[in-house]
């Protein structure tokens, strides 16, 4: 498995960890943004991170029937983890602001589902995916992501298996530090597109 230092080096090499003023999908503001799409666009580097995460998942969970990822950011990560674990992988999409299963995807009753994301900050997308799992009377066996930047402040009550934990501060719009106020914000996420 990759160490934290090795993982951070890959994030920086692939320009997946960037600095500026960002509005996250949650609406919170941050001086750093993790753009996993940059990591996933470099297959050999992404493979190293995903292989390490898959090893961690195998140690923690051994009864996964299905992987569910939220669109957009989780699709490629979910696919890679599904390939490494040899587990069927599907994704949910927002329709009128709410996650739904489309494209003929189904979650069978009593299926053991792992929710896989690229980055977890507030856990909102993962929680929305878990609601789909419960609606289909299936079981959530865990949550996994490349980057856990929640700092333990998430609505997810279960353990999050991550390749990297980052403690990056987030701020509400009305509480921005002066160094962020002077920078025009960018909204790089996919929610509300």
Protein backbone atom coordinates (compact mmCIF):
# COMPACT_ATOMS: atom_id res chain seq x y z
CA UNK A 1 0.00 0.00 0.00
CA UNK A 2 1.12 3.54 -0.67
CA UNK A 3 2.11 5.77 2.23
CA UNK A 4 0.53 9.17 2.78
CA UNK A 5 3.70 10.82 1.44
CA UNK A 6 3.68 8.68 -1.73
CA UNK A 7 -0.02 9.36 -2.26
CA UNK A 8 0.38 13.14 -1.81
CA UNK A 9 3.31 13.12 -4.22
CA UNK A 10 1.09 11.51 -6.87
CA UNK A 11 -1.70 14.05 -6.24
CA UNK A 12 0.73 16.94 -6.69
CA UNK A 13 2.41 15.40 -9.77
CA UNK A 14 -0.97 14.97 -11.47
CA UNK A 15 -2.18 18.45 -10.42
CA UNK A 16 -5.07 16.83 -8.56
CA UNK A 17 -4.39 19.00 -5.50
CA UNK A 18 -4.65 22.69 -6.38
CA UNK A 19 -4.70 25.97 -4.48
CA UNK A 20 -6.90 29.06 -4.89
CA UNK A 21 -10.45 29.93 -3.81
CA UNK A 22 -12.96 27.20 -4.50
CA UNK A 23 -16.67 26.76 -3.88
CA UNK A 24 -17.22 23.08 -3.14
CA UNK A 25 -20.29 21.07 -4.16
CA UNK A 26 -21.48 21.47 -0.57
CA UNK A 27 -21.49 25.28 -0.97
CA UNK A 28 -18.57 25.65 1.43
CA UNK A 29 -15.45 27.62 0.39
CA UNK A 30 -11.92 26.24 0.53
CA UNK A 31 -8.34 27.36 -0.23
CA UNK A 32 -7.52 23.95 -1.74
CA UNK A 33 -9.40 21.69 -4.10
CA UNK A 34 -8.91 18.05 -4.90
CA UNK A 35 -9.65 17.51 -8.59
CA UNK A 36 -9.55 13.72 -8.86
CA UNK A 37 -10.43 13.99 -12.56
CA UNK A 38 -6.82 15.16 -13.04
CA UNK A 39 -5.54 12.10 -11.20
CA UNK A 40 -7.84 9.74 -13.09
CA UNK A 41 -6.72 11.22 -16.44
CA UNK A 42 -3.23 9.79 -15.79
CA UNK A 43 -3.92 6.02 -15.86
CA UNK A 44 -0.60 4.79 -14.46
CA UNK A 45 -0.73 7.20 -11.50
CA UNK A 46 -4.45 6.55 -10.90
CA UNK A 47 -3.76 2.80 -10.97
CA UNK A 48 -1.24 3.15 -8.13
CA UNK A 49 -3.73 5.04 -5.95
CA UNK A 50 -6.67 2.75 -6.78
CA UNK A 51 -4.64 -0.44 -6.21
CA UNK A 52 -3.63 0.82 -2.79
CA UNK A 53 -7.23 1.77 -1.93
CA UNK A 54 -8.50 -1.62 -3.15
CA UNK A 55 -6.03 -3.37 -0.83
CA UNK A 56 -7.34 -1.33 2.10
CA UNK A 57 -10.94 -2.21 1.17
CA UNK A 58 -10.09 -5.94 0.99
CA UNK A 59 -8.66 -5.78 4.51
CA UNK A 60 -11.75 -4.02 5.93
CA UNK A 61 -14.65 -5.56 3.96
CA UNK A 62 -14.96 -9.02 2.44
CA UNK A 63 -18.60 -9.34 1.39
CA UNK A 64 -19.19 -6.81 -1.41
CA UNK A 65 -21.75 -7.72 -4.08
CA UNK A 66 -22.07 -4.32 -5.75
CA UNK A 67 -20.31 -0.96 -5.90
CA UNK A 68 -22.44 2.18 -6.23
CA UNK A 69 -20.86 5.53 -7.09
CA UNK A 70 -22.37 8.97 -7.49
CA UNK A 71 -22.03 10.73 -10.86
CA UNK A 72 -19.85 12.48 -11.86
CA UNK A 73 -16.73 12.27 -9.73
CA UNK A 74 -17.26 8.76 -8.43
CA UNK A 75 -17.86 6.99 -11.75
CA UNK A 76 -14.26 6.36 -12.85
CA UNK A 77 -13.04 5.66 -9.31
CA UNK A 78 -15.91 3.23 -8.73
CA UNK A 79 -15.17 1.47 -12.01
CA UNK A 80 -11.47 1.10 -11.19
CA UNK A 81 -12.16 -0.24 -7.69
CA UNK A 82 -14.83 -2.58 -9.10
CA UNK A 83 -12.35 -3.88 -11.67
CA UNK A 84 -9.69 -4.48 -9.01
CA UNK A 85 -12.14 -6.20 -6.64
CA UNK A 86 -13.96 -7.99 -9.49
CA UNK A 87 -17.31 -6.58 -8.34
CA UNK A 88 -20.19 -5.27 -10.46
CA UNK A 89 -20.17 -1.47 -10.46
CA UNK A 90 -23.01 0.96 -11.17
CA UNK A 91 -23.59 4.67 -10.67
CA UNK A 92 -26.40 7.02 -9.75
CA UNK A 93 -27.22 10.27 -11.55
CA UNK A 94 -28.98 13.46 -10.53
CA UNK A 95 -32.38 13.91 -12.12
CA UNK A 96 -34.10 17.13 -11.05
CA UNK A 97 -31.63 17.44 -8.18
CA UNK A 98 -32.12 13.90 -6.78
CA UNK A 99 -29.99 10.80 -7.27
CA UNK A 100 -31.66 8.04 -9.24
CA UNK A 101 -30.66 4.79 -10.85
CA UNK A 102 -30.93 5.00 -14.64
CA UNK A 103 -29.56 3.08 -17.63
CA UNK A 104 -31.19 -0.13 -16.41
CA UNK A 105 -29.10 -0.23 -13.23
CA UNK A 106 -30.72 -2.09 -10.32
CA UNK A 107 -29.87 -2.82 -6.71
CA UNK A 108 -31.26 -6.21 -5.75
CA UNK A 109 -32.77 -6.73 -2.31
CA UNK A 110 -30.28 -7.96 0.31
CA UNK A 111 -27.30 -7.03 -1.89
CA UNK A 112 -24.18 -5.90 -0.01
CA UNK A 113 -23.27 -2.50 -1.45
CA UNK A 114 -20.05 -0.51 -1.09
CA UNK A 115 -20.39 3.19 -1.89
CA UNK A 116 -17.27 4.53 -3.66
CA UNK A 117 -16.51 8.22 -4.21
CA UNK A 118 -13.58 10.26 -5.39
CA UNK A 119 -13.64 12.78 -2.51
CA UNK A 120 -15.77 12.93 0.63
CA UNK A 121 -16.11 16.33 2.27
CA UNK A 122 -19.57 16.59 3.83
CA UNK A 123 -20.68 13.12 2.71
CA UNK A 124 -23.84 14.48 1.05
CA UNK A 125 -23.45 12.49 -2.19
CA UNK A 126 -22.59 9.31 -0.31
CA UNK A 127 -25.61 9.74 1.97
CA UNK A 128 -27.83 10.25 -1.08
CA UNK A 129 -26.43 7.03 -2.56
CA UNK A 130 -27.05 5.20 0.71
CA UNK A 131 -30.70 6.28 0.53
CA UNK A 132 -30.97 4.50 -2.84
CA UNK A 133 -29.49 1.38 -1.26
CA UNK A 134 -32.01 1.47 1.60
CA UNK A 135 -34.94 2.17 -0.75
CA UNK A 136 -34.02 -1.06 -2.55
CA UNK A 137 -33.84 -2.99 0.75
CA UNK A 138 -30.14 -3.69 0.32
CA UNK A 139 -27.26 -3.43 2.80
CA UNK A 140 -24.54 -0.79 2.99
CA UNK A 141 -21.28 -2.53 3.87
CA UNK A 142 -19.17 0.61 3.83
CA UNK A 143 -17.93 3.78 2.21
CA UNK A 144 -14.65 4.25 0.37
CA UNK A 145 -12.95 7.17 -1.35
CA UNK A 146 -9.60 8.28 -2.64
CA UNK A 147 -9.62 11.40 -0.46
CA UNK A 148 -11.40 11.85 2.84
CA UNK A 149 -11.32 15.57 3.58
CA UNK A 150 -14.25 15.46 6.02
CA UNK A 151 -12.08 15.79 9.15
CA UNK A 152 -14.69 13.62 10.87
CA UNK A 153 -17.41 16.22 10.19
CA UNK A 154 -19.69 14.21 7.95
CA UNK A 155 -23.19 12.80 8.17
CA UNK A 156 -21.75 9.36 7.44
CA UNK A 157 -21.91 7.38 10.66
CA UNK A 158 -19.95 4.40 9.37
CA UNK A 159 -16.20 4.18 8.86
CA UNK A 160 -14.83 5.70 5.67
CA UNK A 161 -12.00 3.77 4.03
CA UNK A 162 -9.76 6.23 2.22
CA UNK A 163 -6.41 6.27 0.52
CA UNK A 164 -5.65 9.74 1.90
CA UNK A 165 -7.08 11.82 4.74
CA UNK A 166 -6.59 15.55 4.25
CA UNK A 167 -7.45 18.23 6.75
CA UNK A 168 -8.25 21.15 4.45
CA UNK A 169 -10.23 23.97 6.05
CA UNK A 170 -13.65 24.93 4.71
CA UNK A 171 -15.60 28.11 5.34
CA UNK A 172 -19.12 29.40 4.99
CA UNK A 173 -19.43 32.36 2.63
CA UNK A 174 -20.07 34.77 5.51
CA UNK A 175 -16.95 33.60 7.41
CA UNK A 176 -14.26 33.73 4.71
CA UNK A 177 -10.71 34.53 5.86
CA UNK A 178 -9.27 37.70 4.32
CA UNK A 179 -6.85 35.77 2.08
CA UNK A 180 -9.82 34.11 0.31
CA UNK A 181 -11.93 37.28 0.06
CA UNK A 182 -9.36 38.81 -2.30
CA UNK A 183 -9.46 35.82 -4.71
CA UNK A 184 -12.33 35.29 -7.14
CA UNK A 185 -13.92 31.93 -6.35
CA UNK A 186 -14.10 29.05 -8.81
CA UNK A 187 -16.74 26.30 -8.67
CA UNK A 188 -15.03 23.22 -10.14
CA UNK A 189 -17.44 20.49 -8.92
CA UNK A 190 -20.23 18.85 -10.92
CA UNK A 191 -23.19 19.25 -8.59
CA UNK A 192 -25.83 21.70 -9.87
CA UNK A 193 -24.46 21.77 -13.42
